[in-house]
N, C-alpha and C. Protein backbone atom coordinates (compact mmCIF):
# COMPACT_ATOMS: atom_id res chain seq x y z
N MET A 1 0.84 -1.18 0.00
CA MET A 1 0.00 0.00 0.00
C MET A 1 0.88 1.24 0.00
N THR A 2 0.46 2.22 -0.74
CA THR A 2 1.15 3.50 -0.85
C THR A 2 1.00 4.27 0.47
N GLN A 3 2.00 5.10 0.76
CA GLN A 3 1.87 5.96 1.94
C GLN A 3 0.66 6.85 1.78
N GLN A 4 -0.06 7.06 2.87
CA GLN A 4 -1.28 7.86 2.83
C GLN A 4 -0.99 9.32 2.51
N ILE A 5 -1.78 9.88 1.63
CA ILE A 5 -1.67 11.29 1.27
C ILE A 5 -1.87 12.15 2.52
N LYS A 6 -1.19 13.29 2.56
CA LYS A 6 -1.28 14.15 3.74
C LYS A 6 -1.38 15.61 3.32
N VAL A 7 -1.67 16.46 4.30
CA VAL A 7 -1.77 17.89 4.05
C VAL A 7 -0.47 18.38 3.42
N GLY A 8 -0.61 19.16 2.35
CA GLY A 8 0.55 19.69 1.63
C GLY A 8 0.91 18.90 0.40
N ASP A 9 0.43 17.65 0.31
CA ASP A 9 0.71 16.81 -0.86
C ASP A 9 -0.12 17.27 -2.05
N THR A 10 0.39 16.96 -3.23
CA THR A 10 -0.33 17.22 -4.47
C THR A 10 -1.21 16.03 -4.79
N LEU A 11 -2.43 16.31 -5.19
CA LEU A 11 -3.37 15.27 -5.57
C LEU A 11 -2.84 14.53 -6.79
N PRO A 12 -2.90 13.20 -6.81
CA PRO A 12 -2.43 12.47 -7.99
C PRO A 12 -3.38 12.69 -9.17
N THR A 13 -2.83 12.59 -10.36
CA THR A 13 -3.65 12.67 -11.56
C THR A 13 -4.21 11.29 -11.86
N VAL A 14 -5.51 11.18 -11.76
CA VAL A 14 -6.22 9.92 -11.98
C VAL A 14 -7.51 10.26 -12.73
N THR A 15 -7.93 9.37 -13.60
CA THR A 15 -9.20 9.56 -14.29
C THR A 15 -10.27 8.69 -13.65
N LEU A 16 -11.31 9.35 -13.19
CA LEU A 16 -12.48 8.69 -12.61
C LEU A 16 -13.57 8.68 -13.68
N LYS A 17 -14.67 8.00 -13.41
CA LYS A 17 -15.82 7.98 -14.32
C LYS A 17 -17.04 8.50 -13.59
N TYR A 18 -17.90 9.20 -14.30
CA TYR A 18 -19.15 9.67 -13.70
C TYR A 18 -20.19 9.86 -14.79
N CYS A 19 -21.42 9.93 -14.37
CA CYS A 19 -22.52 10.21 -15.29
C CYS A 19 -22.99 11.62 -14.99
N PRO A 20 -22.82 12.54 -15.94
CA PRO A 20 -23.26 13.92 -15.69
C PRO A 20 -24.74 13.96 -15.31
N TYR A 21 -25.05 14.83 -14.39
CA TYR A 21 -26.43 14.96 -13.94
C TYR A 21 -27.32 15.39 -15.10
N ASP A 22 -28.37 14.65 -15.32
CA ASP A 22 -29.35 14.96 -16.36
C ASP A 22 -30.72 14.60 -15.81
N PRO A 23 -31.53 15.60 -15.45
CA PRO A 23 -32.83 15.31 -14.84
C PRO A 23 -33.77 14.54 -15.78
N GLU A 24 -33.49 14.54 -17.07
CA GLU A 24 -34.32 13.81 -18.03
C GLU A 24 -34.06 12.31 -17.96
N LEU A 25 -32.86 11.93 -17.57
CA LEU A 25 -32.51 10.50 -17.49
C LEU A 25 -32.77 10.00 -16.09
N LYS A 26 -33.99 9.64 -15.82
CA LYS A 26 -34.40 9.25 -14.46
C LYS A 26 -33.79 7.92 -14.02
N ASP A 27 -33.74 6.94 -14.92
CA ASP A 27 -33.29 5.60 -14.54
C ASP A 27 -32.07 5.13 -15.31
N ALA A 28 -31.48 5.98 -16.11
CA ALA A 28 -30.35 5.55 -16.92
C ALA A 28 -29.20 6.52 -16.77
N CYS A 29 -28.03 6.02 -16.97
CA CYS A 29 -26.83 6.84 -16.86
C CYS A 29 -26.49 7.50 -18.18
N GLY A 30 -26.79 6.85 -19.27
CA GLY A 30 -26.27 7.34 -20.54
C GLY A 30 -24.86 6.82 -20.69
N VAL A 31 -23.96 7.64 -21.15
CA VAL A 31 -22.57 7.22 -21.35
C VAL A 31 -21.70 7.85 -20.27
N PRO A 32 -21.04 7.03 -19.45
CA PRO A 32 -20.16 7.60 -18.42
C PRO A 32 -19.06 8.46 -19.06
N GLN A 33 -18.75 9.55 -18.37
CA GLN A 33 -17.73 10.49 -18.83
C GLN A 33 -16.49 10.39 -17.95
N ASN A 34 -15.38 10.85 -18.49
CA ASN A 34 -14.15 10.91 -17.72
C ASN A 34 -14.16 12.14 -16.82
N LEU A 35 -13.62 11.98 -15.63
CA LEU A 35 -13.41 13.09 -14.71
C LEU A 35 -11.98 12.97 -14.21
N SER A 36 -11.10 13.76 -14.81
CA SER A 36 -9.70 13.75 -14.39
C SER A 36 -9.53 14.63 -13.17
N THR A 37 -8.73 14.17 -12.24
CA THR A 37 -8.45 15.01 -11.08
C THR A 37 -7.74 16.29 -11.50
N ASP A 38 -7.13 16.30 -12.68
CA ASP A 38 -6.52 17.53 -13.21
C ASP A 38 -7.55 18.64 -13.39
N SER A 39 -8.82 18.27 -13.52
CA SER A 39 -9.87 19.29 -13.69
C SER A 39 -10.06 20.10 -12.40
N PHE A 40 -9.44 19.67 -11.30
CA PHE A 40 -9.53 20.40 -10.04
C PHE A 40 -8.49 21.51 -9.93
N LYS A 41 -7.61 21.63 -10.94
CA LYS A 41 -6.61 22.70 -10.92
C LYS A 41 -7.32 24.05 -10.86
N GLY A 42 -6.86 24.90 -9.96
CA GLY A 42 -7.42 26.23 -9.81
C GLY A 42 -8.74 26.27 -9.05
N LYS A 43 -9.18 25.12 -8.51
CA LYS A 43 -10.46 25.05 -7.80
C LYS A 43 -10.25 24.61 -6.36
N LYS A 44 -11.26 24.89 -5.55
CA LYS A 44 -11.32 24.42 -4.17
C LYS A 44 -12.41 23.35 -4.13
N VAL A 45 -12.01 22.12 -3.83
CA VAL A 45 -12.87 20.95 -3.97
C VAL A 45 -12.86 20.12 -2.69
N VAL A 46 -14.02 19.56 -2.36
CA VAL A 46 -14.08 18.54 -1.31
C VAL A 46 -14.25 17.20 -2.02
N ILE A 47 -13.40 16.26 -1.66
CA ILE A 47 -13.51 14.88 -2.15
C ILE A 47 -13.73 14.02 -0.93
N PHE A 48 -14.79 13.22 -0.95
CA PHE A 48 -14.96 12.28 0.15
C PHE A 48 -15.15 10.88 -0.42
N GLY A 49 -14.57 9.92 0.28
CA GLY A 49 -14.61 8.54 -0.18
C GLY A 49 -15.38 7.67 0.78
N VAL A 50 -16.07 6.71 0.19
CA VAL A 50 -16.88 5.77 0.97
C VAL A 50 -16.55 4.34 0.55
N PRO A 51 -16.65 3.40 1.49
CA PRO A 51 -16.36 2.00 1.16
C PRO A 51 -17.35 1.38 0.18
N GLY A 52 -18.62 1.80 0.22
CA GLY A 52 -19.58 1.19 -0.68
C GLY A 52 -20.84 2.00 -0.87
N ALA A 53 -21.23 2.16 -2.12
CA ALA A 53 -22.51 2.80 -2.43
C ALA A 53 -23.64 1.98 -1.85
N PHE A 54 -24.67 2.64 -1.38
CA PHE A 54 -25.87 2.02 -0.83
C PHE A 54 -25.67 1.32 0.52
N THR A 55 -24.44 1.27 1.03
CA THR A 55 -24.22 0.62 2.33
C THR A 55 -24.79 1.53 3.42
N PRO A 56 -25.20 0.97 4.55
CA PRO A 56 -25.95 1.75 5.55
C PRO A 56 -25.30 3.06 6.00
N THR A 57 -24.06 3.03 6.44
CA THR A 57 -23.43 4.26 6.94
C THR A 57 -23.20 5.26 5.80
N CYS A 58 -22.76 4.77 4.66
CA CYS A 58 -22.51 5.64 3.51
C CYS A 58 -23.81 6.29 3.04
N ASN A 59 -24.86 5.49 2.96
CA ASN A 59 -26.15 5.93 2.43
C ASN A 59 -26.94 6.79 3.41
N ASN A 60 -26.88 6.47 4.68
CA ASN A 60 -27.72 7.15 5.67
C ASN A 60 -27.04 8.30 6.39
N ASP A 61 -25.71 8.25 6.50
CA ASP A 61 -25.00 9.25 7.30
C ASP A 61 -24.02 10.11 6.50
N HIS A 62 -23.24 9.50 5.63
CA HIS A 62 -22.15 10.22 4.99
C HIS A 62 -22.62 11.10 3.83
N LEU A 63 -23.17 10.48 2.79
CA LEU A 63 -23.61 11.23 1.60
C LEU A 63 -24.69 12.27 1.91
N PRO A 64 -25.72 11.95 2.67
CA PRO A 64 -26.78 12.95 2.90
C PRO A 64 -26.28 14.24 3.53
N ASP A 65 -25.30 14.16 4.42
CA ASP A 65 -24.77 15.38 5.05
C ASP A 65 -24.11 16.30 4.03
N TYR A 66 -23.39 15.72 3.08
CA TYR A 66 -22.75 16.55 2.06
C TYR A 66 -23.79 17.23 1.17
N HIS A 67 -24.84 16.52 0.86
CA HIS A 67 -25.92 17.12 0.07
C HIS A 67 -26.60 18.23 0.87
N ALA A 68 -26.91 17.95 2.12
CA ALA A 68 -27.60 18.93 2.98
C ALA A 68 -26.74 20.16 3.25
N LYS A 69 -25.44 19.99 3.33
CA LYS A 69 -24.54 21.09 3.68
C LYS A 69 -23.89 21.73 2.44
N TYR A 70 -24.36 21.37 1.26
CA TYR A 70 -23.76 21.87 0.02
C TYR A 70 -23.67 23.40 0.00
N GLN A 71 -24.75 24.10 0.33
CA GLN A 71 -24.75 25.57 0.29
C GLN A 71 -23.75 26.15 1.30
N ASP A 72 -23.66 25.53 2.47
CA ASP A 72 -22.69 25.98 3.48
C ASP A 72 -21.26 25.81 2.96
N LEU A 73 -21.00 24.70 2.30
CA LEU A 73 -19.68 24.45 1.72
C LEU A 73 -19.39 25.48 0.62
N ALA A 74 -20.38 25.75 -0.22
CA ALA A 74 -20.21 26.72 -1.30
C ALA A 74 -19.91 28.12 -0.74
N LYS A 75 -20.57 28.48 0.35
CA LYS A 75 -20.33 29.79 0.97
C LYS A 75 -18.90 29.91 1.49
N LYS A 76 -18.27 28.77 1.78
CA LYS A 76 -16.89 28.75 2.26
C LYS A 76 -15.89 28.62 1.09
N GLY A 77 -16.40 28.71 -0.15
CA GLY A 77 -15.51 28.70 -1.31
C GLY A 77 -15.37 27.37 -2.02
N ILE A 78 -16.07 26.35 -1.56
CA ILE A 78 -15.99 25.04 -2.23
C ILE A 78 -16.74 25.12 -3.55
N GLU A 79 -16.05 24.75 -4.63
CA GLU A 79 -16.63 24.82 -5.97
C GLU A 79 -17.23 23.50 -6.42
N GLN A 80 -16.70 22.39 -5.91
CA GLN A 80 -17.23 21.07 -6.27
C GLN A 80 -17.15 20.16 -5.06
N VAL A 81 -18.14 19.29 -4.95
CA VAL A 81 -18.13 18.22 -3.95
C VAL A 81 -18.18 16.91 -4.74
N VAL A 82 -17.21 16.04 -4.47
CA VAL A 82 -17.09 14.80 -5.22
C VAL A 82 -17.11 13.62 -4.26
N CYS A 83 -18.02 12.70 -4.49
CA CYS A 83 -18.10 11.45 -3.72
C CYS A 83 -17.45 10.36 -4.56
N ILE A 84 -16.50 9.65 -3.96
CA ILE A 84 -15.78 8.58 -4.66
C ILE A 84 -16.03 7.25 -3.96
N SER A 85 -16.29 6.24 -4.77
CA SER A 85 -16.36 4.87 -4.27
C SER A 85 -15.76 3.95 -5.33
N THR A 86 -15.29 2.79 -4.90
CA THR A 86 -14.71 1.83 -5.83
C THR A 86 -15.81 0.97 -6.45
N ALA A 87 -16.78 1.65 -7.01
CA ALA A 87 -17.88 1.02 -7.74
C ALA A 87 -17.76 1.47 -9.19
N ASP A 88 -18.72 1.07 -10.01
CA ASP A 88 -18.73 1.55 -11.39
C ASP A 88 -19.62 2.79 -11.50
N ALA A 89 -19.50 3.48 -12.62
CA ALA A 89 -20.24 4.74 -12.81
C ALA A 89 -21.75 4.53 -12.79
N PHE A 90 -22.22 3.37 -13.23
CA PHE A 90 -23.65 3.10 -13.24
C PHE A 90 -24.21 2.97 -11.83
N VAL A 91 -23.46 2.30 -10.96
CA VAL A 91 -23.86 2.17 -9.55
C VAL A 91 -23.85 3.53 -8.88
N MET A 92 -22.79 4.31 -9.11
CA MET A 92 -22.70 5.63 -8.49
C MET A 92 -23.83 6.53 -8.98
N ASP A 93 -24.16 6.45 -10.27
CA ASP A 93 -25.26 7.24 -10.81
C ASP A 93 -26.59 6.83 -10.17
N ALA A 94 -26.83 5.52 -10.06
CA ALA A 94 -28.07 5.03 -9.45
C ALA A 94 -28.17 5.47 -8.00
N TRP A 95 -27.04 5.43 -7.28
CA TRP A 95 -27.03 5.86 -5.88
C TRP A 95 -27.33 7.35 -5.78
N GLY A 96 -26.73 8.15 -6.64
CA GLY A 96 -26.99 9.59 -6.64
C GLY A 96 -28.45 9.90 -6.92
N LYS A 97 -29.03 9.17 -7.85
CA LYS A 97 -30.45 9.39 -8.17
C LYS A 97 -31.34 8.94 -7.02
N ARG A 98 -31.00 7.82 -6.41
CA ARG A 98 -31.80 7.30 -5.29
C ARG A 98 -31.80 8.26 -4.10
N THR A 99 -30.68 8.94 -3.90
CA THR A 99 -30.55 9.86 -2.76
C THR A 99 -30.83 11.31 -3.15
N ASN A 100 -31.18 11.53 -4.40
CA ASN A 100 -31.55 12.87 -4.89
C ASN A 100 -30.48 13.93 -4.68
N VAL A 101 -29.22 13.59 -4.91
CA VAL A 101 -28.17 14.59 -4.75
C VAL A 101 -28.11 15.57 -5.92
N SER A 102 -28.83 15.29 -6.99
CA SER A 102 -28.90 16.13 -8.20
C SER A 102 -27.49 16.52 -8.65
N ASP A 103 -27.29 17.79 -8.94
CA ASP A 103 -25.97 18.23 -9.42
C ASP A 103 -25.11 18.77 -8.28
N LYS A 104 -25.54 18.59 -7.04
CA LYS A 104 -24.79 19.11 -5.89
C LYS A 104 -23.54 18.29 -5.59
N VAL A 105 -23.63 16.98 -5.77
CA VAL A 105 -22.51 16.09 -5.49
C VAL A 105 -22.21 15.28 -6.74
N ILE A 106 -20.97 15.33 -7.20
CA ILE A 106 -20.56 14.52 -8.34
C ILE A 106 -20.30 13.12 -7.81
N MET A 107 -21.01 12.15 -8.35
CA MET A 107 -20.90 10.75 -7.91
C MET A 107 -19.89 10.05 -8.82
N ALA A 108 -18.64 9.98 -8.37
CA ALA A 108 -17.54 9.51 -9.21
C ALA A 108 -17.13 8.08 -8.87
N ALA A 109 -16.93 7.30 -9.91
CA ALA A 109 -16.51 5.91 -9.76
C ALA A 109 -15.00 5.78 -9.90
N ASP A 110 -14.42 5.09 -8.95
CA ASP A 110 -13.00 4.74 -8.97
C ASP A 110 -12.96 3.21 -9.10
N GLY A 111 -13.52 2.73 -10.20
CA GLY A 111 -13.79 1.31 -10.38
C GLY A 111 -12.61 0.38 -10.15
N ASN A 112 -11.44 0.78 -10.54
CA ASN A 112 -10.25 -0.05 -10.34
C ASN A 112 -9.46 0.34 -9.10
N GLY A 113 -9.97 1.32 -8.36
CA GLY A 113 -9.29 1.75 -7.15
C GLY A 113 -8.02 2.53 -7.39
N GLU A 114 -7.86 3.08 -8.59
CA GLU A 114 -6.61 3.79 -8.92
C GLU A 114 -6.41 5.03 -8.05
N PHE A 115 -7.47 5.78 -7.82
CA PHE A 115 -7.34 6.99 -7.00
C PHE A 115 -7.03 6.62 -5.56
N VAL A 116 -7.83 5.72 -4.98
CA VAL A 116 -7.61 5.40 -3.56
C VAL A 116 -6.26 4.73 -3.34
N LYS A 117 -5.81 3.92 -4.29
CA LYS A 117 -4.47 3.31 -4.16
C LYS A 117 -3.39 4.38 -4.24
N ALA A 118 -3.51 5.31 -5.20
CA ALA A 118 -2.50 6.37 -5.37
C ALA A 118 -2.42 7.27 -4.14
N CYS A 119 -3.54 7.39 -3.43
CA CYS A 119 -3.59 8.22 -2.22
C CYS A 119 -3.33 7.44 -0.94
N GLY A 120 -3.13 6.11 -1.05
CA GLY A 120 -2.95 5.29 0.14
C GLY A 120 -4.21 5.22 0.98
N LEU A 121 -5.35 5.32 0.33
CA LEU A 121 -6.64 5.32 1.04
C LEU A 121 -7.47 4.09 0.69
N ASP A 122 -6.79 3.03 0.27
CA ASP A 122 -7.48 1.78 -0.05
C ASP A 122 -7.42 0.83 1.13
N GLN A 123 -8.37 -0.09 1.14
CA GLN A 123 -8.41 -1.12 2.18
C GLN A 123 -8.97 -2.40 1.58
N ASP A 124 -8.62 -3.52 2.19
CA ASP A 124 -9.09 -4.83 1.77
C ASP A 124 -10.27 -5.21 2.65
N LEU A 125 -11.44 -5.36 2.05
CA LEU A 125 -12.64 -5.73 2.81
C LEU A 125 -13.15 -7.11 2.42
N THR A 126 -12.23 -7.99 1.99
CA THR A 126 -12.66 -9.35 1.63
C THR A 126 -13.26 -10.07 2.84
N LYS A 127 -12.79 -9.74 4.04
CA LYS A 127 -13.29 -10.42 5.24
C LYS A 127 -14.78 -10.19 5.48
N VAL A 128 -15.33 -9.11 4.89
CA VAL A 128 -16.77 -8.85 5.02
C VAL A 128 -17.50 -8.97 3.68
N GLY A 129 -16.82 -9.60 2.70
CA GLY A 129 -17.45 -9.88 1.42
C GLY A 129 -17.58 -8.71 0.47
N MET A 130 -16.77 -7.65 0.67
CA MET A 130 -16.89 -6.47 -0.18
C MET A 130 -15.76 -6.32 -1.19
N GLY A 131 -14.77 -7.20 -1.17
CA GLY A 131 -13.70 -7.14 -2.16
C GLY A 131 -12.39 -6.62 -1.60
N ALA A 132 -11.34 -6.86 -2.41
CA ALA A 132 -9.99 -6.57 -1.98
C ALA A 132 -9.61 -5.09 -2.10
N VAL A 133 -10.23 -4.37 -3.01
CA VAL A 133 -9.89 -2.95 -3.16
C VAL A 133 -11.13 -2.12 -2.90
N ARG A 134 -11.17 -1.51 -1.74
CA ARG A 134 -12.25 -0.61 -1.36
C ARG A 134 -11.65 0.67 -0.81
N SER A 135 -12.41 1.73 -0.87
CA SER A 135 -11.97 3.00 -0.32
C SER A 135 -12.12 2.99 1.19
N LYS A 136 -11.17 3.60 1.86
CA LYS A 136 -11.38 3.92 3.27
C LYS A 136 -12.41 5.05 3.30
N ARG A 137 -13.02 5.27 4.45
CA ARG A 137 -13.93 6.40 4.61
C ARG A 137 -13.06 7.62 4.92
N PHE A 138 -13.11 8.62 4.04
CA PHE A 138 -12.25 9.79 4.20
C PHE A 138 -12.92 11.02 3.60
N ALA A 139 -12.35 12.16 3.91
CA ALA A 139 -12.68 13.42 3.23
C ALA A 139 -11.41 14.23 3.13
N MET A 140 -11.30 14.97 2.05
CA MET A 140 -10.18 15.88 1.89
C MET A 140 -10.65 17.16 1.22
N VAL A 141 -9.98 18.24 1.59
CA VAL A 141 -10.17 19.51 0.90
C VAL A 141 -8.93 19.70 0.05
N VAL A 142 -9.17 20.04 -1.20
CA VAL A 142 -8.08 20.23 -2.16
C VAL A 142 -8.21 21.62 -2.76
N GLU A 143 -7.13 22.39 -2.66
CA GLU A 143 -7.09 23.73 -3.26
C GLU A 143 -6.01 23.77 -4.31
N ASP A 144 -6.41 23.95 -5.56
CA ASP A 144 -5.47 23.97 -6.68
C ASP A 144 -4.53 22.77 -6.64
N MET A 145 -5.13 21.61 -6.43
CA MET A 145 -4.45 20.30 -6.43
C MET A 145 -3.62 20.01 -5.17
N LYS A 146 -3.62 20.91 -4.20
CA LYS A 146 -2.90 20.68 -2.94
C LYS A 146 -3.89 20.31 -1.85
N VAL A 147 -3.58 19.27 -1.09
CA VAL A 147 -4.43 18.85 0.01
C VAL A 147 -4.25 19.80 1.18
N THR A 148 -5.36 20.40 1.63
CA THR A 148 -5.30 21.33 2.77
C THR A 148 -5.95 20.73 4.02
N TYR A 149 -6.72 19.67 3.83
CA TYR A 149 -7.32 18.94 4.97
C TYR A 149 -7.51 17.51 4.54
N ILE A 150 -7.25 16.59 5.46
CA ILE A 150 -7.54 15.17 5.24
C ILE A 150 -8.03 14.59 6.55
N GLY A 151 -9.17 13.93 6.47
CA GLY A 151 -9.73 13.25 7.63
C GLY A 151 -10.05 11.81 7.23
N VAL A 152 -9.41 10.87 7.87
CA VAL A 152 -9.61 9.45 7.56
C VAL A 152 -10.16 8.77 8.82
N GLU A 153 -11.27 8.09 8.64
CA GLU A 153 -11.89 7.42 9.78
C GLU A 153 -11.06 6.22 10.23
N THR A 154 -10.89 6.09 11.53
CA THR A 154 -10.18 4.96 12.10
C THR A 154 -11.12 4.02 12.86
N LYS A 155 -12.36 4.48 13.03
CA LYS A 155 -13.38 3.67 13.69
C LYS A 155 -14.63 3.67 12.82
N PHE A 156 -15.55 2.79 13.14
CA PHE A 156 -16.82 2.73 12.43
C PHE A 156 -17.59 4.03 12.61
N GLY A 157 -18.24 4.50 11.56
CA GLY A 157 -19.05 5.71 11.64
C GLY A 157 -18.42 6.86 10.90
N VAL A 158 -19.05 8.02 11.01
CA VAL A 158 -18.61 9.22 10.31
C VAL A 158 -18.31 10.30 11.34
N SER A 159 -17.07 10.74 11.37
CA SER A 159 -16.70 11.86 12.23
C SER A 159 -15.80 12.81 11.43
N VAL A 160 -14.50 12.54 11.35
CA VAL A 160 -13.55 13.43 10.70
C VAL A 160 -13.75 13.53 9.18
N SER A 161 -14.53 12.62 8.62
CA SER A 161 -14.77 12.65 7.17
C SER A 161 -16.13 13.23 6.81
N GLY A 162 -16.89 13.63 7.79
CA GLY A 162 -18.22 14.16 7.54
C GLY A 162 -18.22 15.62 7.16
N ALA A 163 -19.32 16.06 6.58
CA ALA A 163 -19.45 17.46 6.16
C ALA A 163 -19.26 18.44 7.32
N PRO A 164 -19.80 18.18 8.53
CA PRO A 164 -19.56 19.13 9.63
C PRO A 164 -18.07 19.28 9.97
N ALA A 165 -17.32 18.20 9.94
CA ALA A 165 -15.88 18.27 10.24
C ALA A 165 -15.15 19.08 9.16
N VAL A 166 -15.51 18.87 7.91
CA VAL A 166 -14.89 19.62 6.82
C VAL A 166 -15.24 21.10 6.94
N LEU A 167 -16.50 21.40 7.18
CA LEU A 167 -16.89 22.80 7.34
C LEU A 167 -16.12 23.50 8.46
N ALA A 168 -15.87 22.78 9.54
CA ALA A 168 -15.14 23.35 10.68
C ALA A 168 -13.69 23.68 10.31
N LYS A 169 -13.16 23.02 9.28
CA LYS A 169 -11.76 23.25 8.87
C LYS A 169 -11.62 24.30 7.77
N LEU A 170 -12.75 24.76 7.22
CA LEU A 170 -12.68 25.74 6.13
C LEU A 170 -12.58 27.16 6.67
């Protein structure tokens, strides 16, 4: 495993996949698009990672707070909020539609775990039947590709990676 990314580090260049928000496509993704982390150059972005789409803590506690606090984050200068999971773009799109995040949160797929591996934020969850490459639960603030905050959960639940913790650091 790669050393974990820390404050002051430059975000790695990785291409994620996502389905652009389209209110007309209620049940379909269309064609997944590329989302390069290079697109964050010159922007202030929150990226948060979850072990699994639709899983109880991710679905009930983590993602909803970012959607609910979107305007507060924007007032603090956040230009994009990106949710990453080691799922495919179709699953992430379905999860975003199910939770009604609309265009507030970009639901990005790190299907091969390239981003989380490059950041040292991957974990093996084979012991619970979720696969060898999963994201740790984390949040980071990135300003012009530099990490200015990183919160990685060490226990079950959402604390340092939640929207309130990120807001407190902005």
